[in-house]
Amino acid sequence: VSDESARKVGLAIANSPLVKTAIAGEDANWGR
């Protein structure tokens, strides 16, 4: 809905330990 909203969503993804560990394990777990 706005650039700032997009940034906050992006940061929620980038800060997620589950997302970051899935990528570390090379797991395409898009549910995270």
PDB file of all heavy atoms in Angstrom:
ATOM      1  N   VAL A   1       0.830  -1.210   0.000  1.00  0.00           N
ATOM      2  CA  VAL A   1       0.000   0.000   0.000  1.00  0.00           C
ATOM      3  C   VAL A   1       0.863   1.258   0.000  1.00  0.00           C
ATOM      4  O   VAL A   1       0.382   2.342  -0.351  1.00  0.00           O
ATOM      5  CB  VAL A   1      -0.970   0.013   1.200  1.00  0.00           C
ATOM      6  CG1 VAL A   1      -1.971  -1.142   1.090  1.00  0.00           C
ATOM      7  CG2 VAL A   1      -0.207  -0.065   2.535  1.00  0.00           C
ATOM      8  N   SER A   2       2.130   1.151   0.389  1.00  0.00           N
ATOM      9  CA  SER A   2       3.061   2.284   0.358  1.00  0.00           C
ATOM     10  C   SER A   2       4.478   1.733   0.375  1.00  0.00           C
ATOM     11  O   SER A   2       4.707   0.561   0.702  1.00  0.00           O
ATOM     12  CB  SER A   2       2.850   3.206   1.568  1.00  0.00           C
ATOM     13  OG  SER A   2       3.230   2.547   2.770  1.00  0.00           O
ATOM     14  N   ASP A   3       5.433   2.594   0.034  1.00  0.00           N
ATOM     15  CA  ASP A   3       6.833   2.164   0.085  1.00  0.00           C
ATOM     16  C   ASP A   3       7.252   1.799   1.510  1.00  0.00           C
ATOM     17  O   ASP A   3       7.987   0.827   1.715  1.00  0.00           O
ATOM     18  CB  ASP A   3       7.745   3.279  -0.444  1.00  0.00           C
ATOM     19  CG  ASP A   3       7.607   3.496  -1.937  1.00  0.00           C
ATOM     20  OD1 ASP A   3       6.948   2.672  -2.619  1.00  0.00           O
ATOM     21  OD2 ASP A   3       8.148   4.506  -2.439  1.00  0.00           O
ATOM     22  N   GLU A   4       6.787   2.576   2.480  1.00  0.00           N
ATOM     23  CA  GLU A   4       7.156   2.296   3.869  1.00  0.00           C
ATOM     24  C   GLU A   4       6.567   0.971   4.336  1.00  0.00           C
ATOM     25  O   GLU A   4       7.208   0.206   5.046  1.00  0.00           O
ATOM     26  CB  GLU A   4       6.699   3.431   4.775  1.00  0.00           C
ATOM     27  CG  GLU A   4       7.047   3.259   6.257  1.00  0.00           C
ATOM     28  CD  GLU A   4       8.537   3.107   6.518  1.00  0.00           C
ATOM     29  OE1 GLU A   4       9.358   3.522   5.667  1.00  0.00           O
ATOM     30  OE2 GLU A   4       8.894   2.567   7.590  1.00  0.00           O
ATOM     31  N   SER A   5       5.331   0.679   3.912  1.00  0.00           N
ATOM     32  CA  SER A   5       4.728  -0.604   4.258  1.00  0.00           C
ATOM     33  C   SER A   5       5.515  -1.746   3.634  1.00  0.00           C
ATOM     34  O   SER A   5       5.758  -2.782   4.277  1.00  0.00           O
ATOM     35  CB  SER A   5       3.276  -0.645   3.782  1.00  0.00           C
ATOM     36  OG  SER A   5       2.661  -1.867   4.144  1.00  0.00           O
ATOM     37  N   ALA A   6       5.961  -1.555   2.396  1.00  0.00           N
ATOM     38  CA  ALA A   6       6.773  -2.576   1.732  1.00  0.00           C
ATOM     39  C   ALA A   6       8.074  -2.806   2.485  1.00  0.00           C
ATOM     40  O   ALA A   6       8.529  -3.949   2.640  1.00  0.00           O
ATOM     41  CB  ALA A   6       7.058  -2.150   0.296  1.00  0.00           C
ATOM     42  N   ARG A   7       8.699  -1.719   2.965  1.00  0.00           N
ATOM     43  CA  ARG A   7       9.945  -1.854   3.718  1.00  0.00           C
ATOM     44  C   ARG A   7       9.723  -2.661   4.994  1.00  0.00           C
ATOM     45  O   ARG A   7      10.529  -3.530   5.350  1.00  0.00           O
ATOM     46  CB  ARG A   7      10.512  -0.475   4.055  1.00  0.00           C
ATOM     47  CG  ARG A   7      11.913  -0.501   4.656  1.00  0.00           C
ATOM     48  CD  ARG A   7      12.396   0.908   4.967  1.00  0.00           C
ATOM     49  NE  ARG A   7      11.806   1.421   6.190  1.00  0.00           N
ATOM     50  CZ  ARG A   7      12.374   1.308   7.403  1.00  0.00           C
ATOM     51  NH1 ARG A   7      13.536   0.720   7.530  1.00  0.00           N
ATOM     52  NH2 ARG A   7      11.777   1.791   8.465  1.00  0.00           N
ATOM     53  N   LYS A   8       8.626  -2.398   5.691  1.00  0.00           N
ATOM     54  CA  LYS A   8       8.353  -3.112   6.935  1.00  0.00           C
ATOM     55  C   LYS A   8       8.094  -4.595   6.684  1.00  0.00           C
ATOM     56  O   LYS A   8       8.519  -5.455   7.461  1.00  0.00           O
ATOM     57  CB  LYS A   8       7.176  -2.462   7.657  1.00  0.00           C
ATOM     58  CG  LYS A   8       7.498  -1.085   8.224  1.00  0.00           C
ATOM     59  CD  LYS A   8       6.294  -0.453   8.903  1.00  0.00           C
ATOM     60  CE  LYS A   8       6.645   0.917   9.487  1.00  0.00           C
ATOM     61  NZ  LYS A   8       5.468   1.561  10.120  1.00  0.00           N
ATOM     62  N   VAL A   9       7.395  -4.900   5.613  1.00  0.00           N
ATOM     63  CA  VAL A   9       7.171  -6.304   5.270  1.00  0.00           C
ATOM     64  C   VAL A   9       8.501  -6.972   4.926  1.00  0.00           C
ATOM     65  O   VAL A   9       8.801  -8.091   5.371  1.00  0.00           O
ATOM     66  CB  VAL A   9       6.183  -6.426   4.094  1.00  0.00           C
ATOM     67  CG1 VAL A   9       6.127  -7.875   3.591  1.00  0.00           C
ATOM     68  CG2 VAL A   9       4.793  -5.959   4.511  1.00  0.00           C
ATOM     69  N   GLY A  10       9.321  -6.262   4.147  1.00  0.00           N
ATOM     70  CA  GLY A  10      10.628  -6.805   3.793  1.00  0.00           C
ATOM     71  C   GLY A  10      11.481  -7.082   5.009  1.00  0.00           C
ATOM     72  O   GLY A  10      12.171  -8.120   5.084  1.00  0.00           O
ATOM     73  N   LEU A  11      11.447  -6.184   5.972  1.00  0.00           N
ATOM     74  CA  LEU A  11      12.247  -6.369   7.180  1.00  0.00           C
ATOM     75  C   LEU A  11      11.721  -7.522   8.041  1.00  0.00           C
ATOM     76  O   LEU A  11      12.503  -8.218   8.696  1.00  0.00           O
ATOM     77  CB  LEU A  11      12.286  -5.073   7.983  1.00  0.00           C
ATOM     78  CG  LEU A  11      13.107  -3.952   7.343  1.00  0.00           C
ATOM     79  CD1 LEU A  11      12.918  -2.651   8.096  1.00  0.00           C
ATOM     80  CD2 LEU A  11      14.580  -4.340   7.307  1.00  0.00           C
ATOM     81  N   ALA A  12      10.406  -7.723   8.047  1.00  0.00           N
ATOM     82  CA  ALA A  12       9.850  -8.859   8.792  1.00  0.00           C
ATOM     83  C   ALA A  12      10.373 -10.170   8.216  1.00  0.00           C
ATOM     84  O   ALA A  12      10.695 -11.116   8.947  1.00  0.00           O
ATOM     85  CB  ALA A  12       8.323  -8.821   8.748  1.00  0.00           C
ATOM     86  N   ILE A  13      10.490 -10.228   6.894  1.00  0.00           N
ATOM     87  CA  ILE A  13      11.031 -11.414   6.243  1.00  0.00           C
ATOM     88  C   ILE A  13      12.529 -11.539   6.542  1.00  0.00           C
ATOM     89  O   ILE A  13      13.027 -12.602   6.921  1.00  0.00           O
ATOM     90  CB  ILE A  13      10.791 -11.344   4.725  1.00  0.00           C
ATOM     91  CG1 ILE A  13       9.292 -11.306   4.414  1.00  0.00           C
ATOM     92  CG2 ILE A  13      11.469 -12.510   4.013  1.00  0.00           C
ATOM     93  CD1 ILE A  13       8.966 -10.918   2.986  1.00  0.00           C
ATOM     94  N   ALA A  14      13.243 -10.439   6.362  1.00  0.00           N
ATOM     95  CA  ALA A  14      14.699 -10.448   6.518  1.00  0.00           C
ATOM     96  C   ALA A  14      15.134 -10.723   7.947  1.00  0.00           C
ATOM     97  O   ALA A  14      16.246 -11.214   8.173  1.00  0.00           O
ATOM     98  CB  ALA A  14      15.274  -9.118   6.047  1.00  0.00           C
ATOM     99  N   ASN A  15      14.285 -10.406   8.912  1.00  0.00           N
ATOM    100  CA  ASN A  15      14.626 -10.627  10.322  1.00  0.00           C
ATOM    101  C   ASN A  15      14.127 -11.964  10.852  1.00  0.00           C
ATOM    102  O   ASN A  15      14.393 -12.304  12.008  1.00  0.00           O
ATOM    103  CB  ASN A  15      14.057  -9.502  11.189  1.00  0.00           C
ATOM    104  CG  ASN A  15      14.927  -8.264  11.182  1.00  0.00           C
ATOM    105  OD1 ASN A  15      16.151  -8.369  11.168  1.00  0.00           O
ATOM    106  ND2 ASN A  15      14.307  -7.095  11.194  1.00  0.00           N
ATOM    107  N   SER A  16      13.414 -12.706  10.056  1.00  0.00           N
ATOM    108  CA  SER A  16      12.845 -13.968  10.539  1.00  0.00           C
ATOM    109  C   SER A  16      13.926 -15.042  10.670  1.00  0.00           C
ATOM    110  O   SER A  16      14.541 -15.445   9.670  1.00  0.00           O
ATOM    111  CB  SER A  16      11.771 -14.463   9.569  1.00  0.00           C
ATOM    112  OG  SER A  16      11.442 -15.813   9.843  1.00  0.00           O
ATOM    113  N   PRO A  17      14.169 -15.561  11.878  1.00  0.00           N
ATOM    114  CA  PRO A  17      15.143 -16.651  12.023  1.00  0.00           C
ATOM    115  C   PRO A  17      14.756 -17.880  11.201  1.00  0.00           C
ATOM    116  O   PRO A  17      15.624 -18.582  10.679  1.00  0.00           O
ATOM    117  CB  PRO A  17      15.121 -16.951  13.525  1.00  0.00           C
ATOM    118  CG  PRO A  17      14.634 -15.697  14.164  1.00  0.00           C
ATOM    119  CD  PRO A  17      13.644 -15.134  13.190  1.00  0.00           C
ATOM    120  N   LEU A  18      13.446 -18.130  11.053  1.00  0.00           N
ATOM    121  CA  LEU A  18      13.010 -19.289  10.284  1.00  0.00           C
ATOM    122  C   LEU A  18      13.323 -19.127   8.805  1.00  0.00           C
ATOM    123  O   LEU A  18      13.761 -20.079   8.142  1.00  0.00           O
ATOM    124  CB  LEU A  18      11.509 -19.525  10.494  1.00  0.00           C
ATOM    125  CG  LEU A  18      11.113 -20.077  11.859  1.00  0.00           C
ATOM    126  CD1 LEU A  18       9.602 -20.177  11.966  1.00  0.00           C
ATOM    127  CD2 LEU A  18      11.754 -21.426  12.113  1.00  0.00           C
ATOM    128  N   VAL A  19      13.118 -17.936   8.273  1.00  0.00           N
ATOM    129  CA  VAL A  19      13.451 -17.692   6.870  1.00  0.00           C
ATOM    130  C   VAL A  19      14.960 -17.764   6.670  1.00  0.00           C
ATOM    131  O   VAL A  19      15.463 -18.408   5.740  1.00  0.00           O
ATOM    132  CB  VAL A  19      12.918 -16.316   6.404  1.00  0.00           C
ATOM    133  CG1 VAL A  19      13.442 -15.978   5.010  1.00  0.00           C
ATOM    134  CG2 VAL A  19      11.399 -16.306   6.409  1.00  0.00           C
ATOM    135  N   LYS A  20      15.709 -17.124   7.553  1.00  0.00           N
ATOM    136  CA  LYS A  20      17.164 -17.046   7.404  1.00  0.00           C
ATOM    137  C   LYS A  20      17.829 -18.421   7.553  1.00  0.00           C
ATOM    138  O   LYS A  20      18.793 -18.742   6.853  1.00  0.00           O
ATOM    139  CB  LYS A  20      17.737 -16.050   8.414  1.00  0.00           C
ATOM    140  CG  LYS A  20      17.379 -14.599   8.083  1.00  0.00           C
ATOM    141  CD  LYS A  20      17.431 -13.684   9.304  1.00  0.00           C
ATOM    142  CE  LYS A  20      18.822 -13.426   9.788  1.00  0.00           C
ATOM    143  NZ  LYS A  20      19.534 -12.453   8.937  1.00  0.00           N
ATOM    144  N   THR A  21      17.313 -19.255   8.455  1.00  0.00           N
ATOM    145  CA  THR A  21      17.889 -20.591   8.604  1.00  0.00           C
ATOM    146  C   THR A  21      17.474 -21.501   7.448  1.00  0.00           C
ATOM    147  O   THR A  21      18.247 -22.375   7.034  1.00  0.00           O
ATOM    148  CB  THR A  21      17.498 -21.224   9.948  1.00  0.00           C
ATOM    149  OG1 THR A  21      16.064 -21.129  10.126  1.00  0.00           O
ATOM    150  CG2 THR A  21      18.193 -20.524  11.096  1.00  0.00           C
ATOM    151  N   ALA A  22      16.261 -21.307   6.909  1.00  0.00           N
ATOM    152  CA  ALA A  22      15.855 -22.095   5.739  1.00  0.00           C
ATOM    153  C   ALA A  22      16.783 -21.810   4.559  1.00  0.00           C
ATOM    154  O   ALA A  22      17.222 -22.734   3.852  1.00  0.00           O
ATOM    155  CB  ALA A  22      14.413 -21.773   5.365  1.00  0.00           C
ATOM    156  N   ILE A  23      17.114 -20.532   4.366  1.00  0.00           N
ATOM    157  CA  ILE A  23      18.013 -20.181   3.264  1.00  0.00           C
ATOM    158  C   ILE A  23      19.425 -20.704   3.550  1.00  0.00           C
ATOM    159  O   ILE A  23      20.118 -21.166   2.641  1.00  0.00           O
ATOM    160  CB  ILE A  23      17.990 -18.666   3.030  1.00  0.00           C
ATOM    161  CG1 ILE A  23      16.609 -18.263   2.483  1.00  0.00           C
ATOM    162  CG2 ILE A  23      19.090 -18.240   2.061  1.00  0.00           C
ATOM    163  CD1 ILE A  23      16.413 -16.780   2.289  1.00  0.00           C
ATOM    164  N   ALA A  24      19.835 -20.659   4.810  1.00  0.00           N
ATOM    165  CA  ALA A  24      21.140 -21.238   5.156  1.00  0.00           C
ATOM    166  C   ALA A  24      21.182 -22.716   4.803  1.00  0.00           C
ATOM    167  O   ALA A  24      22.208 -23.235   4.350  1.00  0.00           O
ATOM    168  CB  ALA A  24      21.424 -21.043   6.646  1.00  0.00           C
ATOM    169  N   GLY A  25      20.053 -23.411   5.005  1.00  0.00           N
ATOM    170  CA  GLY A  25      19.966 -24.833   4.691  1.00  0.00           C
ATOM    171  C   GLY A  25      19.577 -25.114   3.251  1.00  0.00           C
ATOM    172  O   GLY A  25      19.349 -26.268   2.889  1.00  0.00           O
ATOM    173  N   GLU A  26      19.473 -24.029   2.448  1.00  0.00           N
ATOM    174  CA  GLU A  26      19.135 -24.143   1.019  1.00  0.00           C
ATOM    175  C   GLU A  26      17.807 -24.856   0.830  1.00  0.00           C
ATOM    176  O   GLU A  26      17.620 -25.663  -0.093  1.00  0.00           O
ATOM    177  CB  GLU A  26      20.273 -24.839   0.266  1.00  0.00           C
ATOM    178  CG  GLU A  26      21.583 -24.063   0.394  1.00  0.00           C
ATOM    179  CD  GLU A  26      22.780 -24.783  -0.185  1.00  0.00           C
ATOM    180  OE1 GLU A  26      22.627 -25.943  -0.626  1.00  0.00           O
ATOM    181  OE2 GLU A  26      23.885 -24.191  -0.184  1.00  0.00           O
ATOM    182  N   ASP A  27      16.840 -24.523   1.703  1.00  0.00           N
ATOM    183  CA  ASP A  27      15.510 -25.124   1.690  1.00  0.00           C
ATOM    184  C   ASP A  27      14.509 -24.105   1.137  1.00  0.00           C
ATOM    185  O   ASP A  27      14.330 -23.032   1.715  1.00  0.00           O
ATOM    186  CB  ASP A  27      15.130 -25.535   3.123  1.00  0.00           C
ATOM    187  CG  ASP A  27      13.734 -26.122   3.216  1.00  0.00           C
ATOM    188  OD1 ASP A  27      13.115 -26.390   2.160  1.00  0.00           O
ATOM    189  OD2 ASP A  27      13.255 -26.304   4.352  1.00  0.00           O
ATOM    190  N   ALA A  28      13.840 -24.434   0.038  1.00  0.00           N
ATOM    191  CA  ALA A  28      12.879 -23.520  -0.600  1.00  0.00           C
ATOM    192  C   ALA A  28      11.546 -23.541   0.132  1.00  0.00           C
ATOM    193  O   ALA A  28      10.485 -23.806  -0.458  1.00  0.00           O
ATOM    194  CB  ALA A  28      12.696 -23.911  -2.065  1.00  0.00           C
ATOM    195  N   ASN A  29      11.578 -23.235   1.400  1.00  0.00           N
ATOM    196  CA  ASN A  29      10.375 -23.289   2.239  1.00  0.00           C
ATOM    197  C   ASN A  29       9.648 -21.950   2.177  1.00  0.00           C
ATOM    198  O   ASN A  29       9.799 -21.107   3.050  1.00  0.00           O
ATOM    199  CB  ASN A  29      10.786 -23.638   3.674  1.00  0.00           C
ATOM    200  CG  ASN A  29       9.592 -23.969   4.553  1.00  0.00           C
ATOM    201  OD1 ASN A  29       8.459 -23.608   4.238  1.00  0.00           O
ATOM    202  ND2 ASN A  29       9.849 -24.652   5.651  1.00  0.00           N
ATOM    203  N   TRP A  30       8.853 -21.773   1.127  1.00  0.00           N
ATOM    204  CA  TRP A  30       8.183 -20.482   0.946  1.00  0.00           C
ATOM    205  C   TRP A  30       7.084 -20.241   1.968  1.00  0.00           C
ATOM    206  O   TRP A  30       6.654 -19.115   2.180  1.00  0.00           O
ATOM    207  CB  TRP A  30       7.656 -20.337  -0.483  1.00  0.00           C
ATOM    208  CG  TRP A  30       6.728 -21.427  -0.964  1.00  0.00           C
ATOM    209  CD1 TRP A  30       7.077 -22.551  -1.632  1.00  0.00           C
ATOM    210  CD2 TRP A  30       5.310 -21.474  -0.821  1.00  0.00           C
ATOM    211  NE1 TRP A  30       5.978 -23.324  -1.920  1.00  0.00           N
ATOM    212  CE2 TRP A  30       4.869 -22.669  -1.442  1.00  0.00           C
ATOM    213  CE3 TRP A  30       4.366 -20.643  -0.250  1.00  0.00           C
ATOM    214  CZ2 TRP A  30       3.522 -23.039  -1.491  1.00  0.00           C
ATOM    215  CZ3 TRP A  30       3.016 -21.000  -0.294  1.00  0.00           C
ATOM    216  CH2 TRP A  30       2.617 -22.187  -0.908  1.00  0.00           C
ATOM    217  N   GLY A  31       6.665 -21.284   2.675  1.00  0.00           N
ATOM    218  CA  GLY A  31       5.667 -21.106   3.734  1.00  0.00           C
ATOM    219  C   GLY A  31       6.179 -20.217   4.855  1.00  0.00           C
ATOM    220  O   GLY A  31       5.413 -19.488   5.488  1.00  0.00           O
ATOM    221  N   ARG A  32       7.493 -20.251   5.077  1.00  0.00           N
ATOM    222  CA  ARG A  32       8.071 -19.388   6.114  1.00  0.00           C
ATOM    223  C   ARG A  32       8.005 -17.919   5.699  1.00  0.00           C
ATOM    224  O   ARG A  32       7.873 -17.037   6.547  1.00  0.00           O
ATOM    225  CB  ARG A  32       9.514 -19.796   6.394  1.00  0.00           C
ATOM    226  CG  ARG A  32       9.622 -21.172   7.047  1.00  0.00           C
ATOM    227  CD  ARG A  32      11.053 -21.524   7.433  1.00  0.00           C
ATOM    228  NE  ARG A  32      11.097 -22.816   8.130  1.00  0.00           N
ATOM    229  CZ  ARG A  32      12.191 -23.346   8.640  1.00  0.00           C
ATOM    230  NH1 ARG A  32      13.352 -22.702   8.532  1.00  0.00           N
ATOM    231  NH2 ARG A  32      12.151 -24.520   9.260  1.00  0.00           N
TER     232      ARG A  32
END
